[in-house]
Amino acid sequence: TVRIGVDGVVEALAGPEGVDLTGLEGAPIASG
């Protein structure tokens, strides 16, 4: 589950247990 702001930045991201995705929060979805 992912929430993306109107500015195209990832606001929240949750995935399976054991896979740390917190480093993707705050990242732009369109670049890198």
Full PDB file with SEQRES, HELIX, SHEET, SSBOND, CRYST1, ORIGX, SCALE, CONECT and MASTER records, all heavy atoms in Angstrom:
SEQRES   1 A   32  THR VAL ARG ILE GLY VAL ASP GLY VAL VAL GLU ALA LEU          
SEQRES   2 A   32  ALA GLY PRO GLU GLY VAL ASP LEU THR GLY LEU GLU GLY          
SEQRES   3 A   32  ALA PRO ILE ALA SER GLY                                      
HELIX    1 AA1 THR A   22  LEU A   24  5                                   3    
SHEET    1 AA1 2 VAL A   2  ILE A   4  0                                        
SHEET    2 AA1 2 VAL A  10  LEU A  13 -1                                        
CRYST1    1.000    1.000    1.000  90.00  90.00  90.00 P 1           1          
ORIGX1      1.000000  0.000000  0.000000        0.00000                         
ORIGX2      0.000000  1.000000  0.000000        0.00000                         
ORIGX3      0.000000  0.000000  1.000000        0.00000                         
SCALE1      1.000000  0.000000  0.000000        0.00000                         
SCALE2      0.000000  1.000000  0.000000        0.00000                         
SCALE3      0.000000  0.000000  1.000000        0.00000                         
ATOM      1  N   THR A   1       0.867  -1.176   0.000  1.00  0.00           N  
ATOM      2  CA  THR A   1       0.000   0.000   0.000  1.00  0.00           C  
ATOM      3  C   THR A   1       0.905   1.228   0.000  1.00  0.00           C  
ATOM      4  O   THR A   1       1.901   1.278   0.720  1.00  0.00           O  
ATOM      5  CB  THR A   1      -0.933   0.041   1.218  1.00  0.00           C  
ATOM      6  OG1 THR A   1      -0.147   0.008   2.419  1.00  0.00           O  
ATOM      7  CG2 THR A   1      -1.886  -1.142   1.200  1.00  0.00           C  
ATOM      8  N   VAL A   2       0.560   2.190  -0.835  1.00  0.00           N  
ATOM      9  CA  VAL A   2       1.397   3.372  -1.011  1.00  0.00           C  
ATOM     10  C   VAL A   2       0.493   4.600  -1.057  1.00  0.00           C  
ATOM     11  O   VAL A   2      -0.585   4.567  -1.670  1.00  0.00           O  
ATOM     12  CB  VAL A   2       2.207   3.302  -2.326  1.00  0.00           C  
ATOM     13  CG1 VAL A   2       3.245   4.425  -2.380  1.00  0.00           C  
ATOM     14  CG2 VAL A   2       2.873   1.937  -2.488  1.00  0.00           C  
ATOM     15  N   ARG A   3       0.939   5.670  -0.421  1.00  0.00           N  
ATOM     16  CA  ARG A   3       0.256   6.960  -0.540  1.00  0.00           C  
ATOM     17  C   ARG A   3       1.230   7.958  -1.151  1.00  0.00           C  
ATOM     18  O   ARG A   3       2.364   8.084  -0.693  1.00  0.00           O  
ATOM     19  CB  ARG A   3      -0.231   7.462   0.821  1.00  0.00           C  
ATOM     20  CG  ARG A   3      -1.087   8.734   0.715  1.00  0.00           C  
ATOM     21  CD  ARG A   3      -1.680   9.148   2.050  1.00  0.00           C  
ATOM     22  NE  ARG A   3      -0.665   9.640   2.966  1.00  0.00           N  
ATOM     23  CZ  ARG A   3      -0.321   9.042   4.104  1.00  0.00           C  
ATOM     24  NH1 ARG A   3      -0.909   7.917   4.460  1.00  0.00           N  
ATOM     25  NH2 ARG A   3       0.613   9.554   4.892  1.00  0.00           N  
ATOM     26  N   ILE A   4       0.770   8.637  -2.203  1.00  0.00           N  
ATOM     27  CA  ILE A   4       1.615   9.575  -2.939  1.00  0.00           C  
ATOM     28  C   ILE A   4       0.951  10.943  -2.921  1.00  0.00           C  
ATOM     29  O   ILE A   4      -0.224  11.076  -3.275  1.00  0.00           O  
ATOM     30  CB  ILE A   4       1.828   9.102  -4.391  1.00  0.00           C  
ATOM     31  CG1 ILE A   4       2.461   7.704  -4.402  1.00  0.00           C  
ATOM     32  CG2 ILE A   4       2.690  10.089  -5.171  1.00  0.00           C  
ATOM     33  CD1 ILE A   4       2.501   7.062  -5.767  1.00  0.00           C  
ATOM     34  N   GLY A   5       1.706  11.965  -2.505  1.00  0.00           N  
ATOM     35  CA  GLY A   5       1.159  13.312  -2.413  1.00  0.00           C  
ATOM     36  C   GLY A   5       0.954  13.956  -3.770  1.00  0.00           C  
ATOM     37  O   GLY A   5       1.418  13.451  -4.804  1.00  0.00           O  
ATOM     38  N   VAL A   6       0.286  15.090  -3.774  1.00  0.00           N  
ATOM     39  CA  VAL A   6       0.032  15.798  -5.025  1.00  0.00           C  
ATOM     40  C   VAL A   6       1.329  16.286  -5.661  1.00  0.00           C  
ATOM     41  O   VAL A   6       1.360  16.598  -6.863  1.00  0.00           O  
ATOM     42  CB  VAL A   6      -0.938  16.975  -4.800  1.00  0.00           C  
ATOM     43  CG1 VAL A   6      -2.308  16.468  -4.386  1.00  0.00           C  
ATOM     44  CG2 VAL A   6      -0.383  17.944  -3.758  1.00  0.00           C  
ATOM     45  N   ASP A   7       2.399  16.334  -4.885  1.00  0.00           N  
ATOM     46  CA  ASP A   7       3.699  16.731  -5.416  1.00  0.00           C  
ATOM     47  C   ASP A   7       4.484  15.554  -5.982  1.00  0.00           C  
ATOM     48  O   ASP A   7       5.639  15.694  -6.400  1.00  0.00           O  
ATOM     49  CB  ASP A   7       4.528  17.435  -4.342  1.00  0.00           C  
ATOM     50  CG  ASP A   7       4.736  16.567  -3.096  1.00  0.00           C  
ATOM     51  OD1 ASP A   7       4.174  15.447  -3.037  1.00  0.00           O  
ATOM     52  OD2 ASP A   7       5.438  17.025  -2.174  1.00  0.00           O  
ATOM     53  N   GLY A   8       3.869  14.356  -5.999  1.00  0.00           N  
ATOM     54  CA  GLY A   8       4.527  13.180  -6.552  1.00  0.00           C  
ATOM     55  C   GLY A   8       5.514  12.515  -5.620  1.00  0.00           C  
ATOM     56  O   GLY A   8       6.287  11.650  -6.046  1.00  0.00           O  
ATOM     57  N   VAL A   9       5.497  12.862  -4.334  1.00  0.00           N  
ATOM     58  CA  VAL A   9       6.412  12.283  -3.357  1.00  0.00           C  
ATOM     59  C   VAL A   9       5.700  11.190  -2.558  1.00  0.00           C  
ATOM     60  O   VAL A   9       4.534  11.349  -2.165  1.00  0.00           O  
ATOM     61  CB  VAL A   9       6.954  13.373  -2.412  1.00  0.00           C  
ATOM     62  CG1 VAL A   9       7.742  12.761  -1.255  1.00  0.00           C  
ATOM     63  CG2 VAL A   9       7.837  14.346  -3.190  1.00  0.00           C  
ATOM     64  N   VAL A  10       6.400  10.095  -2.328  1.00  0.00           N  
ATOM     65  CA  VAL A  10       5.839   8.990  -1.545  1.00  0.00           C  
ATOM     66  C   VAL A  10       5.711   9.422  -0.094  1.00  0.00           C  
ATOM     67  O   VAL A  10       6.707   9.712   0.570  1.00  0.00           O  
ATOM     68  CB  VAL A  10       6.723   7.741  -1.664  1.00  0.00           C  
ATOM     69  CG1 VAL A  10       6.195   6.623  -0.754  1.00  0.00           C  
ATOM     70  CG2 VAL A  10       6.786   7.261  -3.110  1.00  0.00           C  
ATOM     71  N   GLU A  11       4.495   9.455   0.413  1.00  0.00           N  
ATOM     72  CA  GLU A  11       4.254   9.862   1.797  1.00  0.00           C  
ATOM     73  C   GLU A  11       4.286   8.676   2.757  1.00  0.00           C  
ATOM     74  O   GLU A  11       4.706   8.816   3.910  1.00  0.00           O  
ATOM     75  CB  GLU A  11       2.909  10.573   1.895  1.00  0.00           C  
ATOM     76  CG  GLU A  11       2.851  11.874   1.101  1.00  0.00           C  
ATOM     77  CD  GLU A  11       1.487  12.536   1.197  1.00  0.00           C  
ATOM     78  OE1 GLU A  11       0.514  11.871   1.607  1.00  0.00           O  
ATOM     79  OE2 GLU A  11       1.388  13.734   0.847  1.00  0.00           O  
ATOM     80  N   ALA A  12       3.831   7.517   2.291  1.00  0.00           N  
ATOM     81  CA  ALA A  12       3.810   6.324   3.140  1.00  0.00           C  
ATOM     82  C   ALA A  12       3.839   5.096   2.249  1.00  0.00           C  
ATOM     83  O   ALA A  12       3.268   5.099   1.157  1.00  0.00           O  
ATOM     84  CB  ALA A  12       2.565   6.314   4.030  1.00  0.00           C  
ATOM     85  N   LEU A  13       4.514   4.047   2.743  1.00  0.00           N  
ATOM     86  CA  LEU A  13       4.626   2.817   1.969  1.00  0.00           C  
ATOM     87  C   LEU A  13       4.729   1.657   2.946  1.00  0.00           C  
ATOM     88  O   LEU A  13       5.565   1.673   3.842  1.00  0.00           O  
ATOM     89  CB  LEU A  13       5.853   2.876   1.057  1.00  0.00           C  
ATOM     90  CG  LEU A  13       5.973   1.845  -0.066  1.00  0.00           C  
ATOM     91  CD1 LEU A  13       6.910   2.358  -1.153  1.00  0.00           C  
ATOM     92  CD2 LEU A  13       6.492   0.511   0.460  1.00  0.00           C  
ATOM     93  N   ALA A  14       3.897   0.665   2.758  1.00  0.00           N  
ATOM     94  CA  ALA A  14       3.916  -0.512   3.622  1.00  0.00           C  
ATOM     95  C   ALA A  14       3.952  -1.762   2.759  1.00  0.00           C  
ATOM     96  O   ALA A  14       3.229  -1.864   1.765  1.00  0.00           O  
ATOM     97  CB  ALA A  14       2.685  -0.537   4.533  1.00  0.00           C  
ATOM     98  N   GLY A  15       4.802  -2.718   3.140  1.00  0.00           N  
ATOM     99  CA  GLY A  15       4.925  -3.955   2.393  1.00  0.00           C  
ATOM    100  C   GLY A  15       5.015  -5.146   3.313  1.00  0.00           C  
ATOM    101  O   GLY A  15       4.656  -5.063   4.498  1.00  0.00           O  
ATOM    102  N   PRO A  16       5.535  -6.266   2.810  1.00  0.00           N  
ATOM    103  CA  PRO A  16       5.587  -7.485   3.619  1.00  0.00           C  
ATOM    104  C   PRO A  16       6.531  -7.348   4.809  1.00  0.00           C  
ATOM    105  O   PRO A  16       7.491  -6.576   4.774  1.00  0.00           O  
ATOM    106  CB  PRO A  16       6.126  -8.532   2.633  1.00  0.00           C  
ATOM    107  CG  PRO A  16       5.934  -7.945   1.289  1.00  0.00           C  
ATOM    108  CD  PRO A  16       6.021  -6.479   1.449  1.00  0.00           C  
ATOM    109  N   GLU A  17       6.266  -8.112   5.828  1.00  0.00           N  
ATOM    110  CA  GLU A  17       7.133  -8.136   6.999  1.00  0.00           C  
ATOM    111  C   GLU A  17       8.516  -8.640   6.596  1.00  0.00           C  
ATOM    112  O   GLU A  17       8.651  -9.585   5.808  1.00  0.00           O  
ATOM    113  CB  GLU A  17       6.536  -9.053   8.061  1.00  0.00           C  
ATOM    114  CG  GLU A  17       7.329  -9.096   9.354  1.00  0.00           C  
ATOM    115  CD  GLU A  17       6.672  -9.974  10.406  1.00  0.00           C  
ATOM    116  OE1 GLU A  17       5.548 -10.454  10.160  1.00  0.00           O  
ATOM    117  OE2 GLU A  17       7.299 -10.181  11.451  1.00  0.00           O  
ATOM    118  N   GLY A  18       9.540  -7.981   7.097  1.00  0.00           N  
ATOM    119  CA  GLY A  18      10.897  -8.390   6.802  1.00  0.00           C  
ATOM    120  C   GLY A  18      11.540  -7.656   5.647  1.00  0.00           C  
ATOM    121  O   GLY A  18      12.725  -7.840   5.376  1.00  0.00           O  
ATOM    122  N   VAL A  19      10.761  -6.829   4.943  1.00  0.00           N  
ATOM    123  CA  VAL A  19      11.305  -6.021   3.855  1.00  0.00           C  
ATOM    124  C   VAL A  19      11.165  -4.560   4.264  1.00  0.00           C  
ATOM    125  O   VAL A  19      10.061  -4.029   4.340  1.00  0.00           O  
ATOM    126  CB  VAL A  19      10.562  -6.292   2.527  1.00  0.00           C  
ATOM    127  CG1 VAL A  19      11.176  -5.459   1.406  1.00  0.00           C  
ATOM    128  CG2 VAL A  19      10.636  -7.770   2.175  1.00  0.00           C  
ATOM    129  N   ASP A  20      12.275  -3.924   4.586  1.00  0.00           N  
ATOM    130  CA  ASP A  20      12.268  -2.555   5.097  1.00  0.00           C  
ATOM    131  C   ASP A  20      12.161  -1.568   3.938  1.00  0.00           C  
ATOM    132  O   ASP A  20      13.112  -1.405   3.162  1.00  0.00           O  
ATOM    133  CB  ASP A  20      13.543  -2.299   5.895  1.00  0.00           C  
ATOM    134  CG  ASP A  20      13.556  -0.913   6.544  1.00  0.00           C  
ATOM    135  OD1 ASP A  20      12.556  -0.185   6.399  1.00  0.00           O  
ATOM    136  OD2 ASP A  20      14.559  -0.576   7.196  1.00  0.00           O  
ATOM    137  N   LEU A  21      11.021  -0.906   3.830  1.00  0.00           N  
ATOM    138  CA  LEU A  21      10.779   0.026   2.734  1.00  0.00           C  
ATOM    139  C   LEU A  21      10.710   1.471   3.214  1.00  0.00           C  
ATOM    140  O   LEU A  21      10.365   2.360   2.438  1.00  0.00           O  
ATOM    141  CB  LEU A  21       9.465  -0.342   2.025  1.00  0.00           C  
ATOM    142  CG  LEU A  21       9.388  -1.762   1.461  1.00  0.00           C  
ATOM    143  CD1 LEU A  21       8.011  -2.011   0.846  1.00  0.00           C  
ATOM    144  CD2 LEU A  21      10.484  -2.005   0.434  1.00  0.00           C  
ATOM    145  N   THR A  22      11.055   1.703   4.473  1.00  0.00           N  
ATOM    146  CA  THR A  22      10.923   3.055   5.014  1.00  0.00           C  
ATOM    147  C   THR A  22      11.837   4.048   4.295  1.00  0.00           C  
ATOM    148  O   THR A  22      11.541   5.244   4.233  1.00  0.00           O  
ATOM    149  CB  THR A  22      11.233   3.071   6.517  1.00  0.00           C  
ATOM    150  OG1 THR A  22      12.551   2.513   6.736  1.00  0.00           O  
ATOM    151  CG2 THR A  22      10.209   2.243   7.282  1.00  0.00           C  
ATOM    152  N   GLY A  23      12.944   3.556   3.722  1.00  0.00           N  
ATOM    153  CA  GLY A  23      13.847   4.446   3.014  1.00  0.00           C  
ATOM    154  C   GLY A  23      13.261   5.027   1.741  1.00  0.00           C  
ATOM    155  O   GLY A  23      13.814   5.983   1.183  1.00  0.00           O  
ATOM    156  N   LEU A  24      12.140   4.466   1.285  1.00  0.00           N  
ATOM    157  CA  LEU A  24      11.492   4.982   0.079  1.00  0.00           C  
ATOM    158  C   LEU A  24      10.508   6.099   0.384  1.00  0.00           C  
ATOM    159  O   LEU A  24      10.070   6.799  -0.530  1.00  0.00           O  
ATOM    160  CB  LEU A  24      10.767   3.844  -0.652  1.00  0.00           C  
ATOM    161  CG  LEU A  24      11.665   2.722  -1.189  1.00  0.00           C  
ATOM    162  CD1 LEU A  24      10.826   1.604  -1.784  1.00  0.00           C  
ATOM    163  CD2 LEU A  24      12.639   3.262  -2.224  1.00  0.00           C  
ATOM    164  N   GLU A  25      10.157   6.258   1.641  1.00  0.00           N  
ATOM    165  CA  GLU A  25       9.257   7.345   2.006  1.00  0.00           C  
ATOM    166  C   GLU A  25       9.988   8.678   1.868  1.00  0.00           C  
ATOM    167  O   GLU A  25      11.136   8.827   2.273  1.00  0.00           O  
ATOM    168  CB  GLU A  25       8.731   7.141   3.422  1.00  0.00           C  
ATOM    169  CG  GLU A  25       7.851   5.905   3.546  1.00  0.00           C  
ATOM    170  CD  GLU A  25       7.351   5.680   4.960  1.00  0.00           C  
ATOM    171  OE1 GLU A  25       7.757   6.447   5.863  1.00  0.00           O  
ATOM    172  OE2 GLU A  25       6.570   4.725   5.170  1.00  0.00           O  
ATOM    173  N   GLY A  26       9.340   9.627   1.251  1.00  0.00           N  
ATOM    174  CA  GLY A  26       9.964  10.906   0.966  1.00  0.00           C  
ATOM    175  C   GLY A  26      10.638  10.966  -0.391  1.00  0.00           C  
ATOM    176  O   GLY A  26      11.150  12.021  -0.791  1.00  0.00           O  
ATOM    177  N   ALA A  27      10.649   9.845  -1.119  1.00  0.00           N  
ATOM    178  CA  ALA A  27      11.283   9.804  -2.436  1.00  0.00           C  
ATOM    179  C   ALA A  27      10.269  10.179  -3.514  1.00  0.00           C  
ATOM    180  O   ALA A  27       9.091   9.807  -3.433  1.00  0.00           O  
ATOM    181  CB  ALA A  27      11.831   8.411  -2.718  1.00  0.00           C  
ATOM    182  N   PRO A  28      10.688  10.895  -4.549  1.00  0.00           N  
ATOM    183  CA  PRO A  28       9.787  11.169  -5.671  1.00  0.00           C  
ATOM    184  C   PRO A  28       9.516   9.897  -6.453  1.00  0.00           C  
ATOM    185  O   PRO A  28      10.428   9.096  -6.683  1.00  0.00           O  
ATOM    186  CB  PRO A  28      10.554  12.196  -6.507  1.00  0.00           C  
ATOM    187  CG  PRO A  28      11.989  11.979  -6.155  1.00  0.00           C  
ATOM    188  CD  PRO A  28      12.006  11.521  -4.723  1.00  0.00           C  
ATOM    189  N   ILE A  29       8.271   9.706  -6.867  1.00  0.00           N  
ATOM    190  CA  ILE A  29       7.916   8.487  -7.587  1.00  0.00           C  
ATOM    191  C   ILE A  29       8.411   8.527  -9.027  1.00  0.00           C  
ATOM    192  O   ILE A  29       8.602   7.490  -9.657  1.00  0.00           O  
ATOM    193  CB  ILE A  29       6.383   8.264  -7.548  1.00  0.00           C  
ATOM    194  CG1 ILE A  29       6.022   6.849  -8.003  1.00  0.00           C  
ATOM    195  CG2 ILE A  29       5.656   9.298  -8.387  1.00  0.00           C  
ATOM    196  CD1 ILE A  29       6.507   5.765  -7.089  1.00  0.00           C  
ATOM    197  N   ALA A  30       8.677   9.732  -9.556  1.00  0.00           N  
ATOM    198  CA  ALA A  30       8.979   9.856 -10.979  1.00  0.00           C  
ATOM    199  C   ALA A  30      10.457   9.870 -11.306  1.00  0.00           C  
ATOM    200  O   ALA A  30      10.825   9.805 -12.475  1.00  0.00           O  
ATOM    201  CB  ALA A  30       8.330  11.129 -11.534  1.00  0.00           C  
ATOM    202  N   SER A  31      11.325   9.958 -10.330  1.00  0.00           N  
ATOM    203  CA  SER A  31      12.753  10.109 -10.630  1.00  0.00           C  
ATOM    204  C   SER A  31      13.586   9.295  -9.646  1.00  0.00           C  
ATOM    205  O   SER A  31      13.607   9.592  -8.453  1.00  0.00           O  
ATOM    206  CB  SER A  31      13.164  11.586 -10.557  1.00  0.00           C  
ATOM    207  OG  SER A  31      14.546  11.741 -10.763  1.00  0.00           O  
ATOM    208  N   GLY A  32      14.251   8.266 -10.155  1.00  0.00           N  
ATOM    209  CA  GLY A  32      15.162   7.485  -9.344  1.00  0.00           C  
ATOM    210  C   GLY A  32      14.504   6.491  -8.411  1.00  0.00           C  
ATOM    211  O   GLY A  32      15.194   5.840  -7.616  1.00  0.00           O  
TER     212      GLY A  32                                                      
MASTER        0    0    0    1    2    0    0    6  211    1    0    3          
END                                                                             
